[in-house]
PDB file of N, CA and C in Angstrom:
ATOM      1  N   MET A   1     138.077 161.820  -3.324  1.00  0.00           N
ATOM      2  CA  MET A   1     138.434 161.120  -2.104  1.00  0.00           C
ATOM      3  C   MET A   1     137.364 160.087  -1.730  1.00  0.00           C
ATOM      4  N   LEU A   2     136.097 160.471  -1.794  1.00  0.00           N
ATOM      5  CA  LEU A   2     135.025 159.531  -1.460  1.00  0.00           C
ATOM      6  C   LEU A   2     135.019 158.355  -2.427  1.00  0.00           C
ATOM      7  N   CYS A   3     135.150 158.650  -3.717  1.00  0.00           N
ATOM      8  CA  CYS A   3     135.134 157.559  -4.702  1.00  0.00           C
ATOM      9  C   CYS A   3     136.317 156.623  -4.489  1.00  0.00           C
ATOM     10  N   ARG A   4     137.466 157.168  -4.122  1.00  0.00           N
ATOM     11  CA  ARG A   4     138.634 156.329  -3.856  1.00  0.00           C
ATOM     12  C   ARG A   4     138.382 155.433  -2.648  1.00  0.00           C
ATOM     13  N   ALA A   5     137.789 155.985  -1.601  1.00  0.00           N
ATOM     14  CA  ALA A   5     137.487 155.193  -0.405  1.00  0.00           C
ATOM     15  C   ALA A   5     136.475 154.097  -0.730  1.00  0.00           C
ATOM     16  N   VAL A   6     135.471 154.428  -1.531  1.00  0.00           N
ATOM     17  CA  VAL A   6     134.475 153.425  -1.929  1.00  0.00           C
ATOM     18  C   VAL A   6     135.144 152.346  -2.766  1.00  0.00           C
ATOM     19  N   ALA A   7     135.979 152.748  -3.714  1.00  0.00           N
ATOM     20  CA  ALA A   7     136.677 151.773  -4.560  1.00  0.00           C
ATOM     21  C   ALA A   7     137.528 150.839  -3.711  1.00  0.00           C
ATOM     22  N   ASP A   8     138.207 151.385  -2.716  1.00  0.00           N
ATOM     23  CA  ASP A   8     139.021 150.556  -1.816  1.00  0.00           C
ATOM     24  C   ASP A   8     138.161 149.538  -1.068  1.00  0.00           C
ATOM     25  N   GLU A   9     137.006 149.974  -0.572  1.00  0.00           N
ATOM     26  CA  GLU A   9     136.109 149.070   0.148  1.00  0.00           C
ATOM     27  C   GLU A   9     135.544 147.993  -0.777  1.00  0.00           C
ATOM     28  N   LEU A  10     135.280 148.365  -2.014  1.00  0.00           N
ATOM     29  CA  LEU A  10     134.685 147.414  -2.956  1.00  0.00           C
ATOM     30  C   LEU A  10     135.645 146.300  -3.343  1.00  0.00           C
ATOM     31  N   THR A  11     136.941 146.495  -3.140  1.00  0.00           N
ATOM     32  CA  THR A  11     137.895 145.422  -3.437  1.00  0.00           C
ATOM     33  C   THR A  11     137.672 144.228  -2.515  1.00  0.00           C
ATOM     34  N   GLN A  12     137.001 144.443  -1.405  1.00  0.00           N
ATOM     35  CA  GLN A  12     136.703 143.360  -0.470  1.00  0.00           C
ATOM     36  C   GLN A  12     135.388 142.665  -0.800  1.00  0.00           C
ATOM     37  N   ALA A  13     134.732 143.091  -1.881  1.00  0.00           N
ATOM     38  CA  ALA A  13     133.479 142.501  -2.373  1.00  0.00           C
ATOM     39  C   ALA A  13     132.382 142.392  -1.315  1.00  0.00           C
ATOM     40  N   PRO A  14     132.052 143.504  -0.640  1.00  0.00           N
ATOM     41  CA  PRO A  14     130.962 143.429   0.338  1.00  0.00           C
ATOM     42  C   PRO A  14     129.614 143.339  -0.373  1.00  0.00           C
ATOM     43  N   ALA A  15     128.637 142.762   0.294  1.00  0.00           N
ATOM     44  CA  ALA A  15     127.281 142.721  -0.257  1.00  0.00           C
ATOM     45  C   ALA A  15     126.621 144.088  -0.130  1.00  0.00           C
ATOM     46  N   GLN A  16     127.033 144.829   0.897  1.00  0.00           N
ATOM     47  CA  GLN A  16     126.441 146.139   1.165  1.00  0.00           C
ATOM     48  C   GLN A  16     127.531 147.089   1.643  1.00  0.00           C
ATOM     49  N   LEU A  17     127.420 148.338   1.221  1.00  0.00           N
ATOM     50  CA  LEU A  17     128.325 149.381   1.679  1.00  0.00           C
ATOM     51  C   LEU A  17     127.485 150.485   2.302  1.00  0.00           C
ATOM     52  N   VAL A  18     127.754 150.780   3.565  1.00  0.00           N
ATOM     53  CA  VAL A  18     127.005 151.797   4.303  1.00  0.00           C
ATOM     54  C   VAL A  18     127.889 153.024   4.470  1.00  0.00           C
ATOM     55  N   LEU A  19     127.421 154.165   3.968  1.00  0.00           N
ATOM     56  CA  LEU A  19     128.140 155.425   4.142  1.00  0.00           C
ATOM     57  C   LEU A  19     127.463 156.202   5.258  1.00  0.00           C
ATOM     58  N   GLU A  20     128.159 156.369   6.368  1.00  0.00           N
ATOM     59  CA  GLU A  20     127.614 157.030   7.560  1.00  0.00           C
ATOM     60  C   GLU A  20     127.871 158.522   7.433  1.00  0.00           C
ATOM     61  N   LEU A  21     126.835 159.274   7.116  1.00  0.00           N
ATOM     62  CA  LEU A  21     126.971 160.708   6.860  1.00  0.00           C
ATOM     63  C   LEU A  21     126.161 161.558   7.833  1.00  0.00           C
ATOM     64  N   SER A  22     125.736 160.975   8.936  1.00  0.00           N
ATOM     65  CA  SER A  22     124.843 161.700   9.844  1.00  0.00           C
ATOM     66  C   SER A  22     125.501 162.904  10.511  1.00  0.00           C
ATOM     67  N   ALA A  23     126.819 162.949  10.555  1.00  0.00           N
ATOM     68  CA  ALA A  23     127.498 164.090  11.177  1.00  0.00           C
ATOM     69  C   ALA A  23     127.721 165.244  10.202  1.00  0.00           C
ATOM     70  N   ALA A  24     127.382 165.036   8.939  1.00  0.00           N
ATOM     71  CA  ALA A  24     127.586 166.095   7.945  1.00  0.00           C
ATOM     72  C   ALA A  24     126.690 167.291   8.261  1.00  0.00           C
ATOM     73  N   THR A  25     127.294 168.458   8.296  1.00  0.00           N
ATOM     74  CA  THR A  25     126.525 169.673   8.572  1.00  0.00           C
ATOM     75  C   THR A  25     126.221 170.444   7.299  1.00  0.00           C
ATOM     76  N   SER A  26     126.893 170.083   6.210  1.00  0.00           N
ATOM     77  CA  SER A  26     126.612 170.689   4.912  1.00  0.00           C
ATOM     78  C   SER A  26     127.139 169.755   3.827  1.00  0.00           C
ATOM     79  N   ILE A  27     126.668 169.973   2.616  1.00  0.00           N
ATOM     80  CA  ILE A  27     127.117 169.173   1.482  1.00  0.00           C
ATOM     81  C   ILE A  27     127.005 170.053   0.235  1.00  0.00           C
ATOM     82  N   ASP A  28     128.049 170.024  -0.587  1.00  0.00           N
ATOM     83  CA  ASP A  28     128.015 170.844  -1.794  1.00  0.00           C
ATOM     84  C   ASP A  28     127.832 169.966  -3.027  1.00  0.00           C
ATOM     85  N   ASP A  29     127.788 170.617  -4.192  1.00  0.00           N
ATOM     86  CA  ASP A  29     127.555 169.887  -5.440  1.00  0.00           C
ATOM     87  C   ASP A  29     128.649 168.860  -5.720  1.00  0.00           C
ATOM     88  N   THR A  30     129.881 169.175  -5.346  1.00  0.00           N
ATOM     89  CA  THR A  30     130.983 168.236  -5.556  1.00  0.00           C
ATOM     90  C   THR A  30     130.768 166.968  -4.743  1.00  0.00           C
ATOM     91  N   ALA A  31     130.298 167.112  -3.524  1.00  0.00           N
ATOM     92  CA  ALA A  31     130.026 165.950  -2.671  1.00  0.00           C
ATOM     93  C   ALA A  31     128.855 165.145  -3.221  1.00  0.00           C
ATOM     94  N   VAL A  32     127.843 165.819  -3.730  1.00  0.00           N
ATOM     95  CA  VAL A  32     126.702 165.116  -4.329  1.00  0.00           C
ATOM     96  C   VAL A  32     127.185 164.309  -5.536  1.00  0.00           C
ATOM     97  N   GLU A  33     128.029 164.920  -6.374  1.00  0.00           N
ATOM     98  CA  GLU A  33     128.590 164.212  -7.525  1.00  0.00           C
ATOM     99  C   GLU A  33     129.414 163.010  -7.080  1.00  0.00           C
ATOM    100  N   ALA A  34     130.154 163.155  -5.987  1.00  0.00           N
ATOM    101  CA  ALA A  34     130.949 162.044  -5.460  1.00  0.00           C
ATOM    102  C   ALA A  34     130.046 160.901  -4.994  1.00  0.00           C
ATOM    103  N   LEU A  35     128.923 161.233  -4.378  1.00  0.00           N
ATOM    104  CA  LEU A  35     127.977 160.195  -3.954  1.00  0.00           C
ATOM    105  C   LEU A  35     127.392 159.468  -5.164  1.00  0.00           C
ATOM    106  N   VAL A  36     127.081 160.212  -6.208  1.00  0.00           N
ATOM    107  CA  VAL A  36     126.570 159.588  -7.429  1.00  0.00           C
ATOM    108  C   VAL A  36     127.640 158.671  -8.023  1.00  0.00           C
ATOM    109  N   GLY A  37     128.890 159.131  -8.035  1.00  0.00           N
ATOM    110  CA  GLY A  37     129.986 158.304  -8.524  1.00  0.00           C
ATOM    111  C   GLY A  37     130.170 157.052  -7.682  1.00  0.00           C
ATOM    112  N   ALA A  38     129.997 157.190  -6.393  1.00  0.00           N
ATOM    113  CA  ALA A  38     130.125 156.039  -5.494  1.00  0.00           C
ATOM    114  C   ALA A  38     129.056 154.993  -5.788  1.00  0.00           C
ATOM    115  N   THR A  39     127.836 155.435  -6.081  1.00  0.00           N
ATOM    116  CA  THR A  39     126.783 154.473  -6.406  1.00  0.00           C
ATOM    117  C   THR A  39     127.080 153.768  -7.721  1.00  0.00           C
ATOM    118  N   ALA A  40     127.679 154.486  -8.661  1.00  0.00           N
ATOM    119  CA  ALA A  40     128.029 153.859  -9.938  1.00  0.00           C
ATOM    120  C   ALA A  40     129.098 152.791  -9.725  1.00  0.00           C
ATOM    121  N   LEU A  41     130.098 153.095  -8.917  1.00  0.00           N
ATOM    122  CA  LEU A  41     131.142 152.106  -8.610  1.00  0.00           C
ATOM    123  C   LEU A  41     130.550 150.884  -7.922  1.00  0.00           C
ATOM    124  N   ALA A  42     129.667 151.126  -6.977  1.00  0.00           N
ATOM    125  CA  ALA A  42     129.048 150.012  -6.249  1.00  0.00           C
ATOM    126  C   ALA A  42     128.201 149.152  -7.190  1.00  0.00           C
ATOM    127  N   ALA A  43     127.487 149.788  -8.104  1.00  0.00           N
ATOM    128  CA  ALA A  43     126.645 149.040  -9.036  1.00  0.00           C
ATOM    129  C   ALA A  43     127.489 148.131  -9.928  1.00  0.00           C
ATOM    130  N   GLU A  44     128.665 148.605 -10.323  1.00  0.00           N
ATOM    131  CA  GLU A  44     129.567 147.787 -11.142  1.00  0.00           C
ATOM    132  C   GLU A  44     129.997 146.522 -10.402  1.00  0.00           C
ATOM    133  N   SER A  45     130.057 146.607  -9.083  1.00  0.00           N
ATOM    134  CA  SER A  45     130.476 145.466  -8.261  1.00  0.00           C
ATOM    135  C   SER A  45     129.297 144.686  -7.709  1.00  0.00           C
ATOM    136  N   ASP A  46     128.083 145.054  -8.131  1.00  0.00           N
ATOM    137  CA  ASP A  46     126.865 144.411  -7.643  1.00  0.00           C
ATOM    138  C   ASP A  46     126.754 144.509  -6.119  1.00  0.00           C
ATOM    139  N   THR A  47     127.144 145.663  -5.602  1.00  0.00           N
ATOM    140  CA  THR A  47     127.093 145.941  -4.172  1.00  0.00           C
ATOM    141  C   THR A  47     126.027 147.000  -3.922  1.00  0.00           C
ATOM    142  N   SER A  48     125.164 146.763  -2.951  1.00  0.00           N
ATOM    143  CA  SER A  48     124.186 147.800  -2.623  1.00  0.00           C
ATOM    144  C   SER A  48     124.886 148.867  -1.779  1.00  0.00           C
ATOM    145  N   ILE A  49     124.469 150.089  -1.968  1.00  0.00           N
ATOM    146  CA  ILE A  49     125.056 151.196  -1.214  1.00  0.00           C
ATOM    147  C   ILE A  49     123.912 151.980  -0.585  1.00  0.00           C
ATOM    148  N   CYS A  50     124.096 152.362   0.655  1.00  0.00           N
ATOM    149  CA  CYS A  50     123.075 153.161   1.317  1.00  0.00           C
ATOM    150  C   CYS A  50     123.744 154.232   2.166  1.00  0.00           C
ATOM    151  N   LEU A  51     122.955 155.232   2.490  1.00  0.00           N
ATOM    152  CA  LEU A  51     123.445 156.363   3.265  1.00  0.00           C
ATOM    153  C   LEU A  51     122.763 156.381   4.620  1.00  0.00           C
ATOM    154  N   VAL A  52     123.532 156.706   5.628  1.00  0.00           N
ATOM    155  CA  VAL A  52     122.980 156.913   6.963  1.00  0.00           C
ATOM    156  C   VAL A  52     123.041 158.407   7.226  1.00  0.00           C
ATOM    157  N   THR A  53     121.870 159.006   7.300  1.00  0.00           N
ATOM    158  CA  THR A  53     121.762 160.445   7.515  1.00  0.00           C
ATOM    159  C   THR A  53     120.327 160.777   7.893  1.00  0.00           C
ATOM    160  N   SER A  54     120.131 161.914   8.456  1.00  0.00           N
ATOM    161  CA  SER A  54     118.774 162.348   8.789  1.00  0.00           C
ATOM    162  C   SER A  54     117.989 162.563   7.498  1.00  0.00           C
ATOM    163  N   PRO A  55     116.765 162.063   7.437  1.00  0.00           N
ATOM    164  CA  PRO A  55     115.963 162.264   6.230  1.00  0.00           C
ATOM    165  C   PRO A  55     115.607 163.730   5.986  1.00  0.00           C
ATOM    166  N   THR A  56     115.839 164.583   6.980  1.00  0.00           N
ATOM    167  CA  THR A  56     115.576 166.011   6.814  1.00  0.00           C
ATOM    168  C   THR A  56     116.851 166.841   6.928  1.00  0.00           C
ATOM    169  N   GLY A  57     117.993 166.177   7.004  1.00  0.00           N
ATOM    170  CA  GLY A  57     119.265 166.862   7.173  1.00  0.00           C
ATOM    171  C   GLY A  57     119.840 167.379   5.859  1.00  0.00           C
ATOM    172  N   PRO A  58     121.044 167.960   5.929  1.00  0.00           N
ATOM    173  CA  PRO A  58     121.647 168.586   4.755  1.00  0.00           C
ATOM    174  C   PRO A  58     121.933 167.631   3.600  1.00  0.00           C
ATOM    175  N   VAL A  59     122.289 166.402   3.884  1.00  0.00           N
ATOM    176  CA  VAL A  59     122.564 165.443   2.798  1.00  0.00           C
ATOM    177  C   VAL A  59     121.271 165.131   2.054  1.00  0.00           C
ATOM    178  N   ALA A  60     120.231 164.789   2.783  1.00  0.00           N
ATOM    179  CA  ALA A  60     118.943 164.479   2.156  1.00  0.00           C
ATOM    180  C   ALA A  60     118.396 165.690   1.406  1.00  0.00           C
ATOM    181  N   ARG A  61     118.550 166.881   1.964  1.00  0.00           N
ATOM    182  CA  ARG A  61     118.067 168.095   1.286  1.00  0.00           C
ATOM    183  C   ARG A  61     118.827 168.336  -0.013  1.00  0.00           C
ATOM    184  N   ALA A  62     120.147 168.141   0.010  1.00  0.00           N
ATOM    185  CA  ALA A  62     120.953 168.345  -1.195  1.00  0.00           C
ATOM    186  C   ALA A  62     120.584 167.332  -2.272  1.00  0.00           C
ATOM    187  N   LEU A  63     120.362 166.086  -1.880  1.00  0.00           N
ATOM    188  CA  LEU A  63     119.962 165.065  -2.849  1.00  0.00           C
ATOM    189  C   LEU A  63     118.589 165.378  -3.435  1.00  0.00           C
ATOM    190  N   ALA A  64     117.681 165.854  -2.594  1.00  0.00           N
ATOM    191  CA  ALA A  64     116.349 166.227  -3.074  1.00  0.00           C
ATOM    192  C   ALA A  64     116.434 167.416  -4.033  1.00  0.00           C
ATOM    193  N   ALA A  65     117.263 168.393  -3.718  1.00  0.00           N
ATOM    194  CA  ALA A  65     117.420 169.565  -4.578  1.00  0.00           C
ATOM    195  C   ALA A  65     117.978 169.181  -5.941  1.00  0.00           C
ATOM    196  N   ALA A  66     118.811 168.143  -5.971  1.00  0.00           N
ATOM    197  CA  ALA A  66     119.385 167.664  -7.231  1.00  0.00           C
ATOM    198  C   ALA A  66     118.516 166.600  -7.889  1.00  0.00           C
ATOM    199  N   ASP A  67     117.348 166.338  -7.316  1.00  0.00           N
ATOM    200  CA  ASP A  67     116.406 165.331  -7.809  1.00  0.00           C
ATOM    201  C   ASP A  67     117.054 163.945  -7.885  1.00  0.00           C
ATOM    202  N   LEU A  68     117.808 163.607  -6.824  1.00  0.00           N
ATOM    203  CA  LEU A  68     118.526 162.333  -6.775  1.00  0.00           C
ATOM    204  C   LEU A  68     118.099 161.430  -5.621  1.00  0.00           C
ATOM    205  N   THR A  69     117.080 161.801  -4.901  1.00  0.00           N
ATOM    206  CA  THR A  69     116.675 161.048  -3.714  1.00  0.00           C
ATOM    207  C   THR A  69     116.383 159.588  -4.038  1.00  0.00           C
ATOM    208  N   GLU A  70     115.743 159.328  -5.163  1.00  0.00           N
ATOM    209  CA  GLU A  70     115.369 157.957  -5.514  1.00  0.00           C
ATOM    210  C   GLU A  70     116.580 157.074  -5.793  1.00  0.00           C
ATOM    211  N   ARG A  71     117.706 157.681  -6.039  1.00  0.00           N
ATOM    212  CA  ARG A  71     118.915 156.918  -6.359  1.00  0.00           C
ATOM    213  C   ARG A  71     119.577 156.298  -5.140  1.00  0.00           C
ATOM    214  N   PHE A  72     119.168 156.745  -3.958  1.00  0.00           N
ATOM    215  CA  PHE A  72     119.819 156.320  -2.721  1.00  0.00           C
ATOM    216  C   PHE A  72     118.834 155.712  -1.737  1.00  0.00           C
ATOM    217  N   GLU A  73     119.304 154.700  -1.035  1.00  0.00           N
ATOM    218  CA  GLU A  73     118.574 154.191   0.120  1.00  0.00           C
ATOM    219  C   GLU A  73     119.091 154.987   1.312  1.00  0.00           C
ATOM    220  N   ILE A  74     118.204 155.653   2.020  1.00  0.00           N
ATOM    221  CA  ILE A  74     118.596 156.508   3.140  1.00  0.00           C
ATOM    222  C   ILE A  74     117.988 155.966   4.421  1.00  0.00           C
ATOM    223  N   TYR A  75     118.832 155.788   5.434  1.00  0.00           N
ATOM    224  CA  TYR A  75     118.402 155.269   6.731  1.00  0.00           C
ATOM    225  C   TYR A  75     118.853 156.215   7.831  1.00  0.00           C
ATOM    226  N   ALA A  76     118.141 156.195   8.934  1.00  0.00           N
ATOM    227  CA  ALA A  76     118.447 157.075  10.056  1.00  0.00           C
ATOM    228  C   ALA A  76     119.610 156.556  10.908  1.00  0.00           C
ATOM    229  N   THR A  77     119.818 155.227  10.917  1.00  0.00           N
ATOM    230  CA  THR A  77     120.887 154.644  11.736  1.00  0.00           C
ATOM    231  C   THR A  77     121.624 153.555  10.948  1.00  0.00           C
ATOM    232  N   VAL A  78     122.842 153.265  11.367  1.00  0.00           N
ATOM    233  CA  VAL A  78     123.613 152.191  10.748  1.00  0.00           C
ATOM    234  C   VAL A  78     122.899 150.853  10.945  1.00  0.00           C
ATOM    235  N   GLY A  79     122.369 150.625  12.129  1.00  0.00           N
ATOM    236  CA  GLY A  79     121.658 149.391  12.419  1.00  0.00           C
ATOM    237  C   GLY A  79     120.486 149.184  11.463  1.00  0.00           C
ATOM    238  N   GLU A  80     119.733 150.229  11.228  1.00  0.00           N
ATOM    239  CA  GLU A  80     118.596 150.155  10.311  1.00  0.00           C
ATOM    240  C   GLU A  80     119.086 149.824   8.888  1.00  0.00           C
ATOM    241  N   ALA A  81     120.166 150.444   8.474  1.00  0.00           N
ATOM    242  CA  ALA A  81     120.725 150.181   7.145  1.00  0.00           C
ATOM    243  C   ALA A  81     121.187 148.721   7.033  1.00  0.00           C
ATOM    244  N   GLN A  82     121.813 148.223   8.052  1.00  0.00           N
ATOM    245  CA  GLN A  82     122.303 146.848   8.025  1.00  0.00           C
ATOM    246  C   GLN A  82     121.158 145.837   8.003  1.00  0.00           C
ATOM    247  N   ARG A  83     120.078 146.142   8.702  1.00  0.00           N
ATOM    248  CA  ARG A  83     118.914 145.244   8.701  1.00  0.00           C
ATOM    249  C   ARG A  83     118.266 145.147   7.324  1.00  0.00           C
ATOM    250  N   HIS A  84     118.364 146.213   6.549  1.00  0.00           N
ATOM    251  CA  HIS A  84     117.726 146.232   5.235  1.00  0.00           C
ATOM    252  C   HIS A  84     118.672 145.828   4.123  1.00  0.00           C
ATOM    253  N   GLY A  85     119.927 145.587   4.457  1.00  0.00           N
ATOM    254  CA  GLY A  85     120.928 145.230   3.442  1.00  0.00           C
ATOM    255  C   GLY A  85     120.922 143.804   3.201  1.00  0.00           C
TER     256      GLY A  85
END
């Protein structure tokens, strides 16, 4: 589902895609794999992708546990992500 939503957004050729995940209270391995897939889709379109989530929250912890933190730009707010995009 996430990859499909990302693919749909990428048809509009944005320079940046911001995934707002700050409300996530948990994340499993399937969701982590979907995020990795989303970054691959974005890279094919030369679109930067970033996540909005707490740097100490469940998304960041799951990415760190999977040793994937370096693969994502993580910001605390949408505004911060947009300023860096």
